[in-house]
Amino acid sequence: MPHLNWSPDALAVVRDRAERQAMTRLFDAYFRVADERALAATVLHLNLPGGSAERYNFRAQFTKEKGWVVHAKLKREYLILR
């Protein structure tokens, strides 16, 4: 199972360790059912379990230097309100 790293922007958004662990379990679930080589070229979308009202989209992306890294991006509807 590959390791999931967190970018500074994602760590700033998901400060609760239990929420990060829940997202990591979701990430691990992807790799239990998919071929790791096929996923290395994709972006995996990860959202907090439980359907909480979250303002960010999360994605895990593979890079050769850092492996799988979670990034957070403010959702479009919140960008417009800013």
PDB file of N, CA and C in Angstrom:
ATOM      1  N   MET A   1       0.847  -1.178   0.000  1.00  0.00           N
ATOM      2  CA  MET A   1       0.000   0.000   0.000  1.00  0.00           C
ATOM      3  C   MET A   1       0.895   1.245   0.000  1.00  0.00           C
ATOM      4  N   PRO A   2       0.733   2.149  -0.958  1.00  0.00           N
ATOM      5  CA  PRO A   2       1.567   3.354  -0.993  1.00  0.00           C
ATOM      6  C   PRO A   2       1.237   4.294   0.160  1.00  0.00           C
ATOM      7  N   HIS A   3       2.205   5.091   0.507  1.00  0.00           N
ATOM      8  CA  HIS A   3       2.044   6.055   1.594  1.00  0.00           C
ATOM      9  C   HIS A   3       1.405   7.335   1.050  1.00  0.00           C
ATOM     10  N   LEU A   4       0.547   7.954   1.851  1.00  0.00           N
ATOM     11  CA  LEU A   4      -0.129   9.193   1.463  1.00  0.00           C
ATOM     12  C   LEU A   4       0.494  10.355   2.224  1.00  0.00           C
ATOM     13  N   ASN A   5       1.066  11.306   1.494  1.00  0.00           N
ATOM     14  CA  ASN A   5       1.668  12.508   2.080  1.00  0.00           C
ATOM     15  C   ASN A   5       0.666  13.653   2.018  1.00  0.00           C
ATOM     16  N   TRP A   6       0.864  14.647   2.850  1.00  0.00           N
ATOM     17  CA  TRP A   6      -0.043  15.799   2.913  1.00  0.00           C
ATOM     18  C   TRP A   6       0.720  17.071   2.602  1.00  0.00           C
ATOM     19  N   SER A   7       0.204  17.854   1.661  1.00  0.00           N
ATOM     20  CA  SER A   7       0.811  19.147   1.337  1.00  0.00           C
ATOM     21  C   SER A   7       0.493  20.122   2.467  1.00  0.00           C
ATOM     22  N   PRO A   8       1.277  21.186   2.597  1.00  0.00           N
ATOM     23  CA  PRO A   8       1.011  22.173   3.644  1.00  0.00           C
ATOM     24  C   PRO A   8      -0.390  22.792   3.556  1.00  0.00           C
ATOM     25  N   ASP A   9      -0.894  23.016   2.325  1.00  0.00           N
ATOM     26  CA  ASP A   9      -2.236  23.591   2.189  1.00  0.00           C
ATOM     27  C   ASP A   9      -3.310  22.624   2.684  1.00  0.00           C
ATOM     28  N   ALA A  10      -3.141  21.337   2.418  1.00  0.00           N
ATOM     29  CA  ALA A  10      -4.123  20.351   2.892  1.00  0.00           C
ATOM     30  C   ALA A  10      -4.044  20.184   4.407  1.00  0.00           C
ATOM     31  N   LEU A  11      -2.837  20.217   4.972  1.00  0.00           N
ATOM     32  CA  LEU A  11      -2.689  20.128   6.433  1.00  0.00           C
ATOM     33  C   LEU A  11      -3.326  21.318   7.130  1.00  0.00           C
ATOM     34  N   ALA A  12      -3.248  22.488   6.501  1.00  0.00           N
ATOM     35  CA  ALA A  12      -3.854  23.680   7.098  1.00  0.00           C
ATOM     36  C   ALA A  12      -5.374  23.588   7.118  1.00  0.00           C
ATOM     37  N   VAL A  13      -5.946  22.891   6.149  1.00  0.00           N
ATOM     38  CA  VAL A  13      -7.395  22.759   6.056  1.00  0.00           C
ATOM     39  C   VAL A  13      -7.911  21.640   6.962  1.00  0.00           C
ATOM     40  N   VAL A  14      -7.247  20.491   6.924  1.00  0.00           N
ATOM     41  CA  VAL A  14      -7.683  19.336   7.714  1.00  0.00           C
ATOM     42  C   VAL A  14      -6.755  19.213   8.920  1.00  0.00           C
ATOM     43  N   ARG A  15      -7.075  19.933   9.954  1.00  0.00           N
ATOM     44  CA  ARG A  15      -6.221  19.950  11.143  1.00  0.00           C
ATOM     45  C   ARG A  15      -6.496  18.784  12.076  1.00  0.00           C
ATOM     46  N   ASP A  16      -7.689  18.221  11.991  1.00  0.00           N
ATOM     47  CA  ASP A  16      -8.064  17.126  12.873  1.00  0.00           C
ATOM     48  C   ASP A  16      -7.420  15.826  12.399  1.00  0.00           C
ATOM     49  N   ARG A  17      -6.648  15.211  13.283  1.00  0.00           N
ATOM     50  CA  ARG A  17      -5.929  13.991  12.933  1.00  0.00           C
ATOM     51  C   ARG A  17      -6.894  12.858  12.552  1.00  0.00           C
ATOM     52  N   ALA A  18      -8.015  12.752  13.233  1.00  0.00           N
ATOM     53  CA  ALA A  18      -8.987  11.692  12.927  1.00  0.00           C
ATOM     54  C   ALA A  18      -9.540  11.855  11.514  1.00  0.00           C
ATOM     55  N   GLU A  19      -9.773  13.085  11.070  1.00  0.00           N
ATOM     56  CA  GLU A  19     -10.258  13.313   9.703  1.00  0.00           C
ATOM     57  C   GLU A  19      -9.193  12.931   8.683  1.00  0.00           C
ATOM     58  N   ARG A  20      -7.936  13.250   8.963  1.00  0.00           N
ATOM     59  CA  ARG A  20      -6.854  12.854   8.054  1.00  0.00           C
ATOM     60  C   ARG A  20      -6.744  11.333   7.983  1.00  0.00           C
ATOM     61  N   GLN A  21      -6.891  10.673   9.118  1.00  0.00           N
ATOM     62  CA  GLN A  21      -6.831   9.213   9.124  1.00  0.00           C
ATOM     63  C   GLN A  21      -7.994   8.612   8.339  1.00  0.00           C
ATOM     64  N   ALA A  22      -9.170   9.227   8.434  1.00  0.00           N
ATOM     65  CA  ALA A  22     -10.326   8.737   7.676  1.00  0.00           C
ATOM     66  C   ALA A  22     -10.089   8.885   6.181  1.00  0.00           C
ATOM     67  N   MET A  23      -9.499  10.005   5.765  1.00  0.00           N
ATOM     68  CA  MET A  23      -9.202  10.191   4.349  1.00  0.00           C
ATOM     69  C   MET A  23      -8.119   9.223   3.887  1.00  0.00           C
ATOM     70  N   THR A  24      -7.163   8.923   4.758  1.00  0.00           N
ATOM     71  CA  THR A  24      -6.115   7.964   4.418  1.00  0.00           C
ATOM     72  C   THR A  24      -6.709   6.572   4.246  1.00  0.00           C
ATOM     73  N   ARG A  25      -7.679   6.199   5.082  1.00  0.00           N
ATOM     74  CA  ARG A  25      -8.352   4.904   4.920  1.00  0.00           C
ATOM     75  C   ARG A  25      -9.091   4.849   3.578  1.00  0.00           C
ATOM     76  N   LEU A  26      -9.701   5.965   3.178  1.00  0.00           N
ATOM     77  CA  LEU A  26     -10.371   6.026   1.877  1.00  0.00           C
ATOM     78  C   LEU A  26      -9.357   5.833   0.751  1.00  0.00           C
ATOM     79  N   PHE A  27      -8.229   6.489   0.870  1.00  0.00           N
ATOM     80  CA  PHE A  27      -7.145   6.349  -0.108  1.00  0.00           C
ATOM     81  C   PHE A  27      -6.683   4.894  -0.187  1.00  0.00           C
ATOM     82  N   ASP A  28      -6.479   4.267   0.970  1.00  0.00           N
ATOM     83  CA  ASP A  28      -6.068   2.864   0.999  1.00  0.00           C
ATOM     84  C   ASP A  28      -7.115   1.965   0.341  1.00  0.00           C
ATOM     85  N   ALA A  29      -8.394   2.293   0.513  1.00  0.00           N
ATOM     86  CA  ALA A  29      -9.470   1.506  -0.094  1.00  0.00           C
ATOM     87  C   ALA A  29      -9.381   1.546  -1.624  1.00  0.00           C
ATOM     88  N   TYR A  30      -9.002   2.689  -2.189  1.00  0.00           N
ATOM     89  CA  TYR A  30      -8.824   2.764  -3.644  1.00  0.00           C
ATOM     90  C   TYR A  30      -7.801   1.731  -4.103  1.00  0.00           C
ATOM     91  N   PHE A  31      -6.707   1.619  -3.342  1.00  0.00           N
ATOM     92  CA  PHE A  31      -5.626   0.742  -3.772  1.00  0.00           C
ATOM     93  C   PHE A  31      -5.901  -0.724  -3.496  1.00  0.00           C
ATOM     94  N   ARG A  32      -6.858  -1.025  -2.663  1.00  0.00           N
ATOM     95  CA  ARG A  32      -7.232  -2.420  -2.451  1.00  0.00           C
ATOM     96  C   ARG A  32      -7.973  -2.980  -3.660  1.00  0.00           C
ATOM     97  N   VAL A  33      -8.655  -2.119  -4.405  1.00  0.00           N
ATOM     98  CA  VAL A  33      -9.480  -2.592  -5.519  1.00  0.00           C
ATOM     99  C   VAL A  33      -8.935  -2.204  -6.893  1.00  0.00           C
ATOM    100  N   ALA A  34      -7.878  -1.412  -6.936  1.00  0.00           N
ATOM    101  CA  ALA A  34      -7.379  -0.942  -8.232  1.00  0.00           C
ATOM    102  C   ALA A  34      -5.913  -1.340  -8.415  1.00  0.00           C
ATOM    103  N   ASP A  35      -5.490  -1.325  -9.630  1.00  0.00           N
ATOM    104  CA  ASP A  35      -4.101  -1.610  -9.980  1.00  0.00           C
ATOM    105  C   ASP A  35      -3.277  -0.356  -9.727  1.00  0.00           C
ATOM    106  N   GLU A  36      -2.266  -0.465  -8.900  1.00  0.00           N
ATOM    107  CA  GLU A  36      -1.442   0.696  -8.530  1.00  0.00           C
ATOM    108  C   GLU A  36      -0.801   1.353  -9.746  1.00  0.00           C
ATOM    109  N   ARG A  37      -0.354   0.545 -10.704  1.00  0.00           N
ATOM    110  CA  ARG A  37       0.281   1.125 -11.902  1.00  0.00           C
ATOM    111  C   ARG A  37      -0.704   1.961 -12.704  1.00  0.00           C
ATOM    112  N   ALA A  38      -1.954   1.539 -12.772  1.00  0.00           N
ATOM    113  CA  ALA A  38      -2.963   2.287 -13.525  1.00  0.00           C
ATOM    114  C   ALA A  38      -3.301   3.593 -12.821  1.00  0.00           C
ATOM    115  N   LEU A  39      -3.300   3.582 -11.491  1.00  0.00           N
ATOM    116  CA  LEU A  39      -3.658   4.788 -10.750  1.00  0.00           C
ATOM    117  C   LEU A  39      -2.537   5.816 -10.685  1.00  0.00           C
ATOM    118  N   ALA A  40      -1.309   5.407 -10.946  1.00  0.00           N
ATOM    119  CA  ALA A  40      -0.186   6.330 -10.824  1.00  0.00           C
ATOM    120  C   ALA A  40      -0.306   7.513 -11.784  1.00  0.00           C
ATOM    121  N   ALA A  41      -1.071   7.364 -12.855  1.00  0.00           N
ATOM    122  CA  ALA A  41      -1.222   8.443 -13.828  1.00  0.00           C
ATOM    123  C   ALA A  41      -2.506   9.244 -13.601  1.00  0.00           C
ATOM    124  N   THR A  42      -3.220   8.969 -12.529  1.00  0.00           N
ATOM    125  CA  THR A  42      -4.498   9.631 -12.310  1.00  0.00           C
ATOM    126  C   THR A  42      -4.451  10.533 -11.085  1.00  0.00           C
ATOM    127  N   VAL A  43      -5.537  11.241 -10.897  1.00  0.00           N
ATOM    128  CA  VAL A  43      -5.749  12.049  -9.708  1.00  0.00           C
ATOM    129  C   VAL A  43      -6.913  11.422  -8.957  1.00  0.00           C
ATOM    130  N   LEU A  44      -6.720  11.115  -7.693  1.00  0.00           N
ATOM    131  CA  LEU A  44      -7.780  10.528  -6.879  1.00  0.00           C
ATOM    132  C   LEU A  44      -8.448  11.624  -6.070  1.00  0.00           C
ATOM    133  N   HIS A  45      -9.760  11.712  -6.169  1.00  0.00           N
ATOM    134  CA  HIS A  45     -10.507  12.711  -5.420  1.00  0.00           C
ATOM    135  C   HIS A  45     -10.888  12.127  -4.071  1.00  0.00           C
ATOM    136  N   LEU A  46     -10.508  12.816  -3.016  1.00  0.00           N
ATOM    137  CA  LEU A  46     -10.767  12.369  -1.652  1.00  0.00           C
ATOM    138  C   LEU A  46     -11.602  13.425  -0.948  1.00  0.00           C
ATOM    139  N   ASN A  47     -12.688  13.014  -0.372  1.00  0.00           N
ATOM    140  CA  ASN A  47     -13.500  13.942   0.412  1.00  0.00           C
ATOM    141  C   ASN A  47     -13.674  13.390   1.806  1.00  0.00           C
ATOM    142  N   LEU A  48     -13.891  14.271   2.754  1.00  0.00           N
ATOM    143  CA  LEU A  48     -14.065  13.829   4.121  1.00  0.00           C
ATOM    144  C   LEU A  48     -15.283  12.932   4.232  1.00  0.00           C
ATOM    145  N   PRO A  49     -15.143  11.788   4.863  1.00  0.00           N
ATOM    146  CA  PRO A  49     -16.293  10.899   5.048  1.00  0.00           C
ATOM    147  C   PRO A  49     -17.369  11.557   5.917  1.00  0.00           C
ATOM    148  N   GLY A  50     -18.582  11.118   5.749  1.00  0.00           N
ATOM    149  CA  GLY A  50     -19.661  11.635   6.575  1.00  0.00           C
ATOM    150  C   GLY A  50     -20.430  12.775   5.962  1.00  0.00           C
ATOM    151  N   GLY A  51     -20.039  13.222   4.780  1.00  0.00           N
ATOM    152  CA  GLY A  51     -20.783  14.274   4.093  1.00  0.00           C
ATOM    153  C   GLY A  51     -20.815  15.601   4.823  1.00  0.00           C
ATOM    154  N   SER A  52     -19.745  15.915   5.530  1.00  0.00           N
ATOM    155  CA  SER A  52     -19.724  17.191   6.238  1.00  0.00           C
ATOM    156  C   SER A  52     -19.686  18.341   5.230  1.00  0.00           C
ATOM    157  N   ALA A  53     -20.153  19.483   5.651  1.00  0.00           N
ATOM    158  CA  ALA A  53     -20.176  20.663   4.778  1.00  0.00           C
ATOM    159  C   ALA A  53     -18.743  21.171   4.645  1.00  0.00           C
ATOM    160  N   GLU A  54     -18.074  20.679   3.648  1.00  0.00           N
ATOM    161  CA  GLU A  54     -16.661  21.012   3.464  1.00  0.00           C
ATOM    162  C   GLU A  54     -16.523  22.037   2.354  1.00  0.00           C
ATOM    163  N   ARG A  55     -15.667  23.025   2.566  1.00  0.00           N
ATOM    164  CA  ARG A  55     -15.471  24.105   1.601  1.00  0.00           C
ATOM    165  C   ARG A  55     -14.399  23.784   0.572  1.00  0.00           C
ATOM    166  N   TYR A  56     -13.725  22.663   0.728  1.00  0.00           N
ATOM    167  CA  TYR A  56     -12.584  22.342  -0.129  1.00  0.00           C
ATOM    168  C   TYR A  56     -12.786  21.030  -0.859  1.00  0.00           C
ATOM    169  N   ASN A  57     -12.183  20.963  -2.040  1.00  0.00           N
ATOM    170  CA  ASN A  57     -12.038  19.696  -2.749  1.00  0.00           C
ATOM    171  C   ASN A  57     -10.631  19.190  -2.453  1.00  0.00           C
ATOM    172  N   PHE A  58     -10.526  17.901  -2.219  1.00  0.00           N
ATOM    173  CA  PHE A  58      -9.232  17.302  -1.950  1.00  0.00           C
ATOM    174  C   PHE A  58      -8.910  16.319  -3.060  1.00  0.00           C
ATOM    175  N   ARG A  59      -7.633  16.271  -3.431  1.00  0.00           N
ATOM    176  CA  ARG A  59      -7.211  15.317  -4.435  1.00  0.00           C
ATOM    177  C   ARG A  59      -5.822  14.806  -4.081  1.00  0.00           C
ATOM    178  N   ALA A  60      -5.602  13.542  -4.371  1.00  0.00           N
ATOM    179  CA  ALA A  60      -4.276  12.950  -4.208  1.00  0.00           C
ATOM    180  C   ALA A  60      -3.679  12.796  -5.597  1.00  0.00           C
ATOM    181  N   GLN A  61      -2.471  13.281  -5.747  1.00  0.00           N
ATOM    182  CA  GLN A  61      -1.811  13.243  -7.046  1.00  0.00           C
ATOM    183  C   GLN A  61      -0.422  12.636  -6.869  1.00  0.00           C
ATOM    184  N   PHE A  62      -0.021  11.830  -7.834  1.00  0.00           N
ATOM    185  CA  PHE A  62       1.269  11.154  -7.760  1.00  0.00           C
ATOM    186  C   PHE A  62       2.351  11.986  -8.429  1.00  0.00           C
ATOM    187  N   THR A  63       3.484  12.150  -7.737  1.00  0.00           N
ATOM    188  CA  THR A  63       4.673  12.751  -8.332  1.00  0.00           C
ATOM    189  C   THR A  63       5.849  11.817  -8.065  1.00  0.00           C
ATOM    190  N   LYS A  64       6.824  11.802  -8.957  1.00  0.00           N
ATOM    191  CA  LYS A  64       7.980  10.917  -8.788  1.00  0.00           C
ATOM    192  C   LYS A  64       8.798  11.289  -7.553  1.00  0.00           C
ATOM    193  N   GLU A  65       8.861  12.557  -7.239  1.00  0.00           N
ATOM    194  CA  GLU A  65       9.692  13.015  -6.133  1.00  0.00           C
ATOM    195  C   GLU A  65       9.068  12.741  -4.760  1.00  0.00           C
ATOM    196  N   LYS A  66       7.758  12.943  -4.639  1.00  0.00           N
ATOM    197  CA  LYS A  66       7.111  12.891  -3.332  1.00  0.00           C
ATOM    198  C   LYS A  66       6.103  11.768  -3.183  1.00  0.00           C
ATOM    199  N   GLY A  67       5.843  11.008  -4.229  1.00  0.00           N
ATOM    200  CA  GLY A  67       4.826   9.958  -4.163  1.00  0.00           C
ATOM    201  C   GLY A  67       3.436  10.581  -4.195  1.00  0.00           C
ATOM    202  N   TRP A  68       2.495   9.987  -3.471  1.00  0.00           N
ATOM    203  CA  TRP A  68       1.120  10.490  -3.435  1.00  0.00           C
ATOM    204  C   TRP A  68       1.009  11.628  -2.440  1.00  0.00           C
ATOM    205  N   VAL A  69       0.503  12.767  -2.912  1.00  0.00           N
ATOM    206  CA  VAL A  69       0.373  13.962  -2.072  1.00  0.00           C
ATOM    207  C   VAL A  69      -1.056  14.490  -2.156  1.00  0.00           C
ATOM    208  N   VAL A  70      -1.640  14.784  -0.990  1.00  0.00           N
ATOM    209  CA  VAL A  70      -2.990  15.363  -0.927  1.00  0.00           C
ATOM    210  C   VAL A  70      -2.874  16.874  -1.062  1.00  0.00           C
ATOM    211  N   HIS A  71      -3.711  17.442  -1.907  1.00  0.00           N
ATOM    212  CA  HIS A  71      -3.804  18.897  -2.080  1.00  0.00           C
ATOM    213  C   HIS A  71      -5.237  19.326  -1.809  1.00  0.00           C
ATOM    214  N   ALA A  72      -5.391  20.541  -1.323  1.00  0.00           N
ATOM    215  CA  ALA A  72      -6.722  21.095  -1.053  1.00  0.00           C
ATOM    216  C   ALA A  72      -6.934  22.304  -1.956  1.00  0.00           C
ATOM    217  N   LYS A  73      -8.154  22.428  -2.478  1.00  0.00           N
ATOM    218  CA  LYS A  73      -8.500  23.579  -3.317  1.00  0.00           C
ATOM    219  C   LYS A  73      -9.886  24.056  -2.906  1.00  0.00           C
ATOM    220  N   LEU A  74     -10.017  25.355  -2.687  1.00  0.00           N
ATOM    221  CA  LEU A  74     -11.299  25.937  -2.316  1.00  0.00           C
ATOM    222  C   LEU A  74     -12.300  25.714  -3.446  1.00  0.00           C
ATOM    223  N   LYS A  75     -13.496  25.284  -3.090  1.00  0.00           N
ATOM    224  CA  LYS A  75     -14.525  25.026  -4.100  1.00  0.00           C
ATOM    225  C   LYS A  75     -14.923  26.315  -4.811  1.00  0.00           C
ATOM    226  N   ARG A  76     -15.345  26.170  -6.042  1.00  0.00           N
ATOM    227  CA  ARG A  76     -15.674  27.323  -6.897  1.00  0.00           C
ATOM    228  C   ARG A  76     -16.715  28.247  -6.260  1.00  0.00           C
ATOM    229  N   GLU A  77     -17.754  27.686  -5.649  1.00  0.00           N
ATOM    230  CA  GLU A  77     -18.799  28.532  -5.084  1.00  0.00           C
ATOM    231  C   GLU A  77     -18.275  29.410  -3.951  1.00  0.00           C
ATOM    232  N   TYR A  78     -17.240  28.945  -3.250  1.00  0.00           N
ATOM    233  CA  TYR A  78     -16.661  29.756  -2.187  1.00  0.00           C
ATOM    234  C   TYR A  78     -15.703  30.785  -2.744  1.00  0.00           C
ATOM    235  N   LEU A  79     -15.070  30.470  -3.867  1.00  0.00           N
ATOM    236  CA  LEU A  79     -14.196  31.455  -4.527  1.00  0.00           C
ATOM    237  C   LEU A  79     -15.017  32.641  -5.022  1.00  0.00           C
ATOM    238  N   ILE A  80     -16.211  32.356  -5.561  1.00  0.00           N
ATOM    239  CA  ILE A  80     -17.069  33.429  -6.086  1.00  0.00           C
ATOM    240  C   ILE A  80     -17.532  34.334  -4.951  1.00  0.00           C
ATOM    241  N   LEU A  81     -17.823  33.761  -3.800  1.00  0.00           N
ATOM    242  CA  LEU A  81     -18.279  34.560  -2.657  1.00  0.00           C
ATOM    243  C   LEU A  81     -17.196  35.451  -2.090  1.00  0.00           C
ATOM    244  N   ARG A  82     -15.960  35.044  -2.251  1.00  0.00           N
ATOM    245  CA  ARG A  82     -14.852  35.850  -1.739  1.00  0.00           C
ATOM    246  C   ARG A  82     -14.842  37.173  -2.423  1.00  0.00           C
TER     247      ARG A  82
END
